[in-house]
Amino acid sequence: MDVSPILMIIIIFSINIVYVTFFTLRMILTLKGYRYIAALISMVETVIYIVGLGLVLDNLNEIQNLVAYAVGYGTGVVIGTKIEEKMALGYIMVNAISTDTKLNLPLILRDEGYGVTDWHANGRQGERQALQILTPRKYELKLYTRLKDLDPGIFIIAYEPKSIHGGFWVKSIKKGKLFK
């Protein structure tokens, strides 16, 4: 089969975007514990990889094919991570520190469905209200916006917990009662 050089570039570029998007999603799903979905994705990924690599190896004398492969790879990483951001798998733990100790942030946030643990703390310039808030990642940006609306000077640090065990909030998630 004789394929024009432009068409070959487009095919290699497209195949590599799809392959690396699947690769990126598979890695993220594996890290988040979705091993069976990741295994299914890896089967499709392998077929796409072999086809794309075969096209490049059959035409190693064409530098534009190597460039298309490399650019497709980079583009696939970006697309894969964007898809994962939209999927928003897992949970996020947000530590927030407010200087407004009179504002009842824990009660407000609990009424909105967030899991909140709070305590009084001392900072360099006095008393603080410290909060530890657990939320699904899909509500992460909504939580940041809400915290900033309630206290524009709030200090926020977030991280992704590796495992979660116990507490009323986890039971609420399992029963499907969160954020309704």
Protein backbone atom coordinates (compact mmCIF):
# COMPACT_ATOMS: atom_id res chain seq x y z
CA MET A 1 0.00 0.00 0.00
CA ASP A 2 1.44 3.34 -1.05
CA VAL A 3 0.41 6.18 1.23
CA SER A 4 1.24 9.83 0.63
CA PRO A 5 3.80 11.34 3.05
CA ILE A 6 1.26 13.86 4.41
CA LEU A 7 -1.30 11.14 5.09
CA MET A 8 1.37 9.01 6.80
CA ILE A 9 2.28 11.92 9.09
CA ILE A 10 -1.38 12.46 9.99
CA ILE A 11 -1.90 8.74 10.66
CA ILE A 12 1.21 8.41 12.86
CA PHE A 13 0.42 11.63 14.71
CA SER A 14 -3.20 10.55 15.35
CA ILE A 15 -2.31 7.03 16.40
CA ASN A 16 0.24 8.31 18.88
CA ILE A 17 -2.19 10.82 20.38
CA VAL A 18 -4.70 8.03 20.97
CA TYR A 19 -2.02 5.63 22.27
CA VAL A 20 -0.48 8.06 24.75
CA THR A 21 -3.88 9.32 25.91
CA PHE A 22 -4.78 5.71 26.76
CA PHE A 23 -1.33 5.21 28.34
CA THR A 24 -1.73 8.30 30.53
CA LEU A 25 -5.23 7.34 31.62
CA ARG A 26 -4.12 3.76 32.35
CA MET A 27 -1.28 4.99 34.56
CA ILE A 28 -3.54 7.37 36.47
CA LEU A 29 -6.25 4.73 36.91
CA THR A 30 -3.64 2.24 38.14
CA LEU A 31 -2.30 4.72 40.70
CA LYS A 32 -5.81 5.45 41.94
CA GLY A 33 -6.64 1.76 42.38
CA TYR A 34 -8.85 1.16 39.32
CA ARG A 35 -6.76 -1.83 38.22
CA TYR A 36 -9.41 -3.71 36.24
CA ILE A 37 -10.41 -0.70 34.14
CA ALA A 38 -6.70 0.02 33.68
CA ALA A 39 -6.14 -3.56 32.47
CA LEU A 40 -8.89 -3.20 29.86
CA ILE A 41 -7.45 0.10 28.66
CA SER A 42 -3.98 -1.47 28.44
CA MET A 43 -5.22 -4.09 25.97
CA VAL A 44 -6.48 -1.40 23.58
CA GLU A 45 -3.37 0.68 24.23
CA THR A 46 -1.06 -2.19 23.25
CA VAL A 47 -2.75 -2.75 19.89
CA ILE A 48 -2.61 0.96 19.06
CA TYR A 49 1.04 1.13 20.13
CA ILE A 50 2.09 -1.78 17.93
CA VAL A 51 0.33 -0.36 14.88
CA GLY A 52 1.83 3.13 15.37
CA LEU A 53 5.33 1.92 16.10
CA GLY A 54 5.17 -0.46 13.14
CA LEU A 55 4.36 2.43 10.81
CA VAL A 56 7.33 4.43 12.08
CA LEU A 57 9.75 1.50 11.97
CA ASP A 58 8.69 0.62 8.42
CA ASN A 59 9.54 4.18 7.38
CA LEU A 60 12.59 5.06 9.48
CA ASN A 61 14.16 6.90 6.56
CA GLU A 62 11.40 9.54 6.74
CA ILE A 63 12.32 12.04 9.48
CA GLN A 64 8.87 13.65 9.36
CA ASN A 65 7.38 10.36 10.61
CA LEU A 66 9.64 10.46 13.67
CA VAL A 67 8.67 14.07 14.29
CA ALA A 68 4.97 13.21 13.95
CA TYR A 69 5.46 10.34 16.42
CA ALA A 70 7.18 12.62 18.97
CA VAL A 71 4.69 15.48 18.62
CA GLY A 72 1.78 13.02 18.84
CA TYR A 73 3.29 11.57 22.01
CA GLY A 74 3.51 14.98 23.70
CA THR A 75 0.02 15.92 22.58
CA GLY A 76 -1.33 12.61 23.93
CA VAL A 77 0.13 13.33 27.38
CA VAL A 78 -1.61 16.71 27.48
CA ILE A 79 -4.94 15.27 26.30
CA GLY A 80 -4.72 12.33 28.73
CA THR A 81 -4.10 14.59 31.72
CA LYS A 82 -6.93 16.93 30.67
CA ILE A 83 -9.32 13.96 30.48
CA GLU A 84 -8.19 12.81 33.94
CA GLU A 85 -8.81 16.32 35.32
CA LYS A 86 -12.35 16.17 33.97
CA MET A 87 -12.88 12.68 35.44
CA ALA A 88 -11.67 14.03 38.84
CA LEU A 89 -11.21 10.62 40.45
CA GLY A 90 -10.53 10.31 44.15
CA TYR A 91 -10.62 12.76 47.01
CA ILE A 92 -8.79 15.86 48.10
CA MET A 93 -7.87 16.90 51.63
CA VAL A 94 -7.86 20.65 52.12
CA ASN A 95 -6.23 22.33 55.09
CA ALA A 96 -7.58 25.83 55.52
CA ILE A 97 -6.58 28.41 58.11
CA SER A 98 -8.78 31.41 58.75
CA THR A 99 -7.96 34.53 60.72
CA ASP A 100 -11.71 35.12 61.28
CA THR A 101 -12.31 33.04 64.40
CA LYS A 102 -15.87 34.39 64.80
CA LEU A 103 -17.02 33.07 61.42
CA ASN A 104 -18.48 29.60 61.95
CA LEU A 105 -16.82 28.02 58.90
CA PRO A 106 -17.09 24.40 60.11
CA LEU A 107 -20.86 24.61 60.55
CA ILE A 108 -21.37 26.36 57.21
CA LEU A 109 -19.26 23.80 55.35
CA ARG A 110 -20.79 20.80 57.13
CA ASP A 111 -24.26 22.05 56.20
CA GLU A 112 -23.08 22.08 52.58
CA GLY A 113 -21.98 18.42 52.80
CA TYR A 114 -18.25 18.68 53.40
CA GLY A 115 -16.45 16.59 55.98
CA VAL A 116 -14.78 19.08 58.34
CA THR A 117 -12.57 18.72 61.37
CA ASP A 118 -11.66 21.99 63.06
CA TRP A 119 -9.56 23.29 65.92
CA HIS A 120 -8.22 26.55 67.27
CA ALA A 121 -4.63 27.33 66.36
CA ASN A 122 -2.10 30.09 66.88
CA GLY A 123 -0.28 31.81 64.05
CA ARG A 124 2.41 34.43 63.96
CA GLN A 125 -0.14 37.20 64.30
CA GLY A 126 -2.58 35.60 66.71
CA GLU A 127 -5.46 33.20 66.97
CA ARG A 128 -6.59 31.17 63.96
CA GLN A 129 -9.29 28.70 63.08
CA ALA A 130 -7.82 25.60 61.40
CA LEU A 131 -9.94 23.33 59.24
CA GLN A 132 -9.30 20.00 57.63
CA ILE A 133 -11.84 19.37 54.86
CA LEU A 134 -12.31 16.18 52.86
CA THR A 135 -14.14 16.34 49.53
CA PRO A 136 -14.37 14.44 46.25
CA ARG A 137 -12.00 15.95 43.67
CA LYS A 138 -14.91 16.91 41.45
CA TYR A 139 -15.93 19.45 44.13
CA GLU A 140 -12.39 20.75 44.74
CA LEU A 141 -12.67 24.02 42.81
CA LYS A 142 -16.14 24.64 44.20
CA LEU A 143 -14.73 24.27 47.72
CA TYR A 144 -11.87 26.71 47.02
CA THR A 145 -14.32 29.27 45.67
CA ARG A 146 -16.62 28.83 48.66
CA LEU A 147 -13.77 29.19 51.16
CA LYS A 148 -12.51 32.37 49.45
CA ASP A 149 -16.06 33.79 49.36
CA LEU A 150 -16.49 33.17 53.10
CA ASP A 151 -13.01 34.43 54.02
CA PRO A 152 -11.03 36.20 51.27
CA GLY A 153 -7.84 36.02 53.37
CA ILE A 154 -8.04 32.29 54.06
CA PHE A 155 -4.86 30.21 53.73
CA ILE A 156 -5.40 26.97 51.78
CA ILE A 157 -3.20 23.91 51.25
CA ALA A 158 -4.48 20.76 49.51
CA TYR A 159 -3.22 17.26 48.97
CA GLU A 160 -4.58 13.94 47.76
CA PRO A 161 -4.94 11.28 50.46
CA LYS A 162 -3.76 7.81 49.52
CA SER A 163 -6.31 5.98 51.65
CA ILE A 164 -9.33 6.88 53.75
CA HIS A 165 -10.79 4.82 56.58
CA GLY A 166 -13.53 5.50 59.09
CA GLY A 167 -15.55 8.54 59.99
CA PHE A 168 -19.16 9.45 59.36
CA TRP A 169 -18.33 11.18 56.08
CA VAL A 170 -16.97 8.03 54.43
CA LYS A 171 -20.17 6.20 55.43
CA SER A 172 -22.23 9.02 53.89
CA ILE A 173 -20.36 8.67 50.59
CA LYS A 174 -20.96 4.93 50.49
CA LYS A 175 -24.68 5.50 51.10
CA GLY A 176 -24.80 8.13 48.33
CA LYS A 177 -25.93 10.89 50.69
CA LEU A 178 -23.21 13.44 49.96
CA PHE A 179 -24.01 16.86 48.44
CA LYS A 180 -27.74 16.24 47.86
